[in-house]
Protein backbone atom coordinates (compact mmCIF):
# COMPACT_ATOMS: atom_id res chain seq x y z
CA UNK A 1 -40.15 -72.70 -99.70
CA UNK A 2 -42.06 -69.42 -100.75
CA UNK A 3 -39.90 -66.31 -101.35
CA UNK A 4 -39.74 -64.34 -98.09
CA UNK A 5 -37.76 -61.30 -98.93
CA UNK A 6 -37.71 -60.13 -102.62
CA UNK A 7 -35.77 -56.73 -102.08
CA UNK A 8 -32.80 -55.91 -100.24
CA UNK A 9 -33.17 -52.40 -99.72
CA UNK A 10 -33.70 -50.76 -96.45
CA UNK A 11 -37.18 -49.42 -95.51
CA UNK A 12 -36.42 -46.09 -93.90
CA UNK A 13 -40.12 -45.22 -93.61
CA UNK A 14 -40.67 -48.16 -90.91
CA UNK A 15 -37.78 -48.01 -89.17
CA UNK A 16 -38.27 -46.75 -85.47
CA UNK A 17 -37.27 -43.53 -83.94
CA UNK A 18 -36.22 -43.09 -80.36
CA UNK A 19 -38.89 -43.68 -77.92
CA UNK A 20 -38.73 -39.88 -76.96
CA UNK A 21 -40.16 -39.24 -80.49
CA UNK A 22 -43.52 -39.91 -81.69
CA UNK A 23 -43.98 -43.61 -82.59
CA UNK A 24 -43.51 -44.46 -86.31
CA UNK A 25 -46.46 -46.36 -87.77
CA UNK A 26 -46.71 -47.13 -91.29
CA UNK A 27 -46.32 -44.71 -94.31
CA UNK A 28 -48.95 -42.20 -93.39
CA UNK A 29 -49.06 -43.08 -89.89
CA UNK A 30 -52.96 -43.77 -90.02
CA UNK A 31 -52.78 -47.38 -91.44
CA UNK A 32 -51.30 -50.49 -89.76
CA UNK A 33 -47.69 -51.87 -90.62
CA UNK A 34 -47.51 -55.49 -91.92
CA UNK A 35 -44.08 -56.93 -91.27
CA UNK A 36 -42.98 -60.25 -92.23
CA UNK A 37 -40.53 -61.75 -89.36
CA UNK A 38 -38.18 -64.42 -90.20
CA UNK A 39 -36.58 -66.43 -87.29
CA UNK A 40 -33.10 -66.35 -89.26
CA UNK A 41 -30.06 -64.27 -89.24
CA UNK A 42 -28.61 -62.69 -92.20
CA UNK A 43 -25.12 -63.99 -91.06
CA UNK A 44 -24.19 -67.30 -92.62
CA UNK A 45 -25.12 -70.26 -90.28
CA UNK A 46 -26.26 -67.78 -87.55
CA UNK A 47 -29.30 -67.54 -85.64
CA UNK A 48 -31.51 -64.21 -85.20
CA UNK A 49 -34.19 -62.49 -86.98
CA UNK A 50 -34.61 -60.52 -90.06
CA UNK A 51 -37.53 -58.08 -90.94
CA UNK A 52 -39.10 -57.26 -94.01
CA UNK A 53 -41.81 -54.83 -94.93
CA UNK A 54 -44.79 -55.57 -97.10
CA UNK A 55 -42.59 -54.63 -100.15
CA UNK A 56 -39.97 -56.85 -99.30
CA UNK A 57 -37.68 -54.46 -98.16
CA UNK A 58 -35.13 -55.01 -95.05
CA UNK A 59 -36.49 -53.33 -91.85
CA UNK A 60 -35.02 -54.90 -88.77
CA UNK A 61 -32.33 -57.37 -88.13
CA UNK A 62 -30.85 -59.36 -84.85
CA UNK A 63 -27.64 -61.32 -85.27
CA UNK A 64 -25.77 -63.37 -83.12
CA UNK A 65 -22.50 -65.44 -83.07
CA UNK A 66 -21.62 -68.78 -81.73
CA UNK A 67 -19.99 -67.08 -78.58
CA UNK A 68 -21.20 -64.25 -76.52
CA UNK A 69 -23.59 -63.37 -73.70
CA UNK A 70 -27.26 -65.02 -73.89
CA UNK A 71 -28.33 -62.26 -71.75
CA UNK A 72 -27.90 -59.40 -74.10
CA UNK A 73 -29.43 -58.76 -77.58
CA UNK A 74 -29.24 -55.89 -80.11
CA UNK A 75 -31.94 -54.88 -82.38
CA UNK A 76 -30.76 -53.00 -85.48
CA UNK A 77 -32.11 -51.23 -88.50
CA UNK A 78 -31.58 -52.47 -92.07
CA UNK A 79 -28.26 -50.54 -92.06
CA UNK A 80 -26.87 -52.27 -88.74
CA UNK A 81 -27.73 -49.04 -86.63
CA UNK A 82 -28.59 -49.79 -82.92
CA UNK A 83 -32.05 -49.22 -82.23
CA UNK A 84 -32.64 -50.95 -78.95
CA UNK A 85 -30.47 -53.19 -76.45
CA UNK A 86 -32.35 -55.80 -74.50
CA UNK A 87 -30.78 -57.15 -71.26
CA UNK A 88 -31.88 -59.62 -68.81
CA UNK A 89 -32.48 -58.05 -65.34
CA UNK A 90 -29.91 -59.16 -62.95
CA UNK A 91 -30.83 -60.28 -59.35
CA UNK A 92 -34.49 -60.27 -60.09
CA UNK A 93 -37.40 -62.71 -59.22
CA UNK A 94 -38.76 -64.48 -62.34
CA UNK A 95 -37.74 -63.70 -65.85
CA UNK A 96 -37.40 -60.13 -66.20
CA UNK A 97 -35.80 -57.77 -68.96
CA UNK A 98 -34.75 -54.24 -69.72
CA UNK A 99 -35.14 -52.51 -72.86
CA UNK A 100 -32.72 -49.61 -73.59
CA UNK A 101 -32.48 -46.97 -76.28
CA UNK A 102 -29.77 -47.96 -78.92
CA UNK A 103 -26.49 -49.07 -77.06
CA UNK A 104 -27.42 -47.46 -73.82
CA UNK A 105 -26.84 -49.54 -70.63
CA UNK A 106 -28.25 -47.06 -68.40
CA UNK A 107 -31.82 -45.47 -67.73
CA UNK A 108 -33.70 -48.35 -69.58
CA UNK A 109 -37.12 -47.35 -71.09
CA UNK A 110 -39.09 -50.38 -70.15
CA UNK A 111 -39.11 -53.41 -67.82
CA UNK A 112 -40.73 -56.50 -69.19
CA UNK A 113 -41.40 -59.42 -67.11
CA UNK A 114 -42.61 -62.94 -68.02
CA UNK A 115 -46.11 -63.80 -66.34
CA UNK A 116 -45.73 -66.84 -64.33
CA UNK A 117 -49.38 -67.17 -63.52
CA UNK A 118 -49.83 -69.08 -66.80
CA UNK A 119 -50.46 -72.07 -64.32
CA UNK A 120 -53.66 -70.09 -63.27
CA UNK A 121 -54.81 -70.15 -66.92
CA UNK A 122 -53.91 -66.54 -67.51
CA UNK A 123 -53.96 -65.17 -71.16
CA UNK A 124 -51.07 -63.02 -70.23
CA UNK A 125 -47.74 -64.04 -71.61
CA UNK A 126 -45.75 -60.70 -70.52
CA UNK A 127 -46.19 -57.43 -69.36
CA UNK A 128 -44.04 -54.23 -70.40
CA UNK A 129 -43.83 -51.26 -67.74
CA UNK A 130 -42.46 -47.84 -68.88
CA UNK A 131 -39.31 -47.03 -66.44
CA UNK A 132 -39.17 -43.22 -66.94
CA UNK A 133 -41.87 -41.21 -65.35
CA UNK A 134 -41.63 -38.65 -68.14
CA UNK A 135 -41.94 -41.17 -70.91
CA UNK A 136 -44.45 -40.52 -73.74
CA UNK A 137 -45.82 -44.13 -73.30
CA UNK A 138 -47.57 -43.45 -69.77
CA UNK A 139 -49.23 -46.97 -70.11
CA UNK A 140 -47.94 -50.40 -70.00
CA UNK A 141 -48.56 -53.05 -72.38
CA UNK A 142 -49.80 -56.62 -72.11
CA UNK A 143 -49.03 -59.42 -74.47
CA UNK A 144 -51.66 -62.11 -74.58
CA UNK A 145 -52.09 -65.30 -76.49
CA UNK A 146 -49.61 -68.36 -77.36
CA UNK A 147 -46.38 -67.40 -78.81
CA UNK A 148 -45.34 -71.26 -79.69
CA UNK A 149 -48.54 -70.96 -82.32
CA UNK A 150 -47.46 -67.84 -83.39
CA UNK A 151 -50.73 -66.37 -82.15
CA UNK A 152 -50.50 -63.14 -79.99
CA UNK A 153 -51.88 -59.66 -79.41
CA UNK A 154 -50.43 -56.60 -77.77
CA UNK A 155 -52.76 -54.40 -75.60
CA UNK A 156 -52.31 -51.13 -73.76
CA UNK A 157 -53.58 -50.56 -70.34
CA UNK A 158 -57.21 -49.37 -71.97
CA UNK A 159 -57.35 -52.77 -73.73
CA UNK A 160 -56.74 -51.35 -77.21
CA UNK A 161 -55.12 -53.99 -79.36
CA UNK A 162 -51.93 -52.45 -80.84
CA UNK A 163 -50.11 -55.27 -82.42
CA UNK A 164 -50.89 -58.88 -83.43
CA UNK A 165 -48.59 -61.88 -84.22
CA UNK A 166 -49.87 -64.57 -86.64
CA UNK A 167 -49.28 -67.09 -88.70
CA UNK A 168 -48.44 -66.31 -92.38
CA UNK A 169 -49.06 -68.19 -95.58
CA UNK A 170 -47.74 -68.01 -99.00
CA UNK A 171 -50.01 -66.63 -101.67
CA UNK A 172 -50.87 -70.29 -102.66
CA UNK A 173 -52.18 -70.85 -98.86
CA UNK A 174 -49.17 -73.12 -97.92
CA UNK A 175 -48.32 -72.33 -94.33
CA UNK A 176 -44.55 -71.09 -93.93
CA UNK A 177 -44.01 -72.73 -90.60
CA UNK A 178 -43.26 -71.13 -87.19
CA UNK A 179 -40.32 -69.43 -88.31
CA UNK A 180 -41.79 -67.07 -90.53
CA UNK A 181 -44.76 -65.20 -89.28
CA UNK A 182 -46.62 -61.69 -89.52
CA UNK A 183 -46.14 -58.76 -87.02
CA UNK A 184 -48.93 -56.33 -87.68
CA UNK A 185 -48.44 -53.07 -85.71
CA UNK A 186 -51.35 -50.36 -85.47
CA UNK A 187 -50.68 -46.77 -85.56
CA UNK A 188 -49.65 -45.40 -82.14
CA UNK A 189 -47.12 -48.10 -81.30
CA UNK A 190 -43.46 -47.79 -82.01
CA UNK A 191 -42.52 -50.73 -84.66
CA UNK A 192 -38.95 -51.04 -82.96
CA UNK A 193 -40.67 -51.64 -79.61
CA UNK A 194 -43.04 -54.13 -81.05
CA UNK A 195 -40.21 -56.09 -82.60
CA UNK A 196 -38.34 -55.96 -79.28
CA UNK A 197 -41.07 -57.51 -77.69
CA UNK A 198 -40.96 -60.53 -80.33
CA UNK A 199 -37.25 -60.96 -79.45
CA UNK A 200 -38.41 -61.33 -75.70
CA UNK A 201 -41.38 -63.45 -76.42
CA UNK A 202 -38.93 -65.84 -78.24
CA UNK A 203 -36.54 -65.81 -75.23
CA UNK A 204 -39.37 -66.42 -72.76
CA UNK A 205 -41.24 -68.83 -74.72
CA UNK A 206 -39.33 -70.07 -77.82
CA UNK A 207 -37.77 -73.31 -78.59
CA UNK A 208 -35.05 -74.76 -76.43
CA UNK A 209 -32.59 -74.09 -78.85
CA UNK A 210 -33.07 -70.51 -78.83
CA UNK A 211 -33.11 -70.21 -75.08
CA UNK A 212 -29.64 -71.87 -75.01
CA UNK A 213 -27.97 -69.99 -77.94
CA UNK A 214 -25.54 -67.43 -77.09
CA UNK A 215 -26.46 -63.73 -78.01
CA UNK A 216 -23.86 -60.97 -78.45
CA UNK A 217 -23.68 -57.37 -79.83
CA UNK A 218 -23.15 -56.98 -83.76
């Protein structure tokens, strides 16, 4: 298998700020960020995600253990600092989740709802809506495409594409499989929010194993 992560040092220029601040993009904030998402935990024999930048530096991680709640997931930076807590919304119709800042469990930032209109051939997989009226992100986000094929795009309410999930190949043109893929983030979208949406797409549309595995805070 091609080498996925050549370095082990954190990439602080990509790790996200809190959603109240301006969203971090790449380097100078004028170019897209290309992240490699690996559907594998850094923990031995664990499940989760490990994310690297274009230089091979660790950016984000999600770890889980054999036991725990499958309804709560923590997204961390390379040093293990909490960035977002993702919780399934209780007593709601359909598959809905809440995204919180860091380890907060009150005042969610976004509500994310799975689109069950797929039977009507809708392209939309999920929709994220800001919870706070004073949020910098006044618009919602639609995720369209097919996650099972790692072919998705993130759009704001003005139909601007702000991120993309796509299959990744090695330098020799060999496909790396569904567990390794690109997350390309355009300027204007918070990188940690984009990764949080990837986690939710996995929960909503991933393999049966992902849906049954238990998740817990690190």
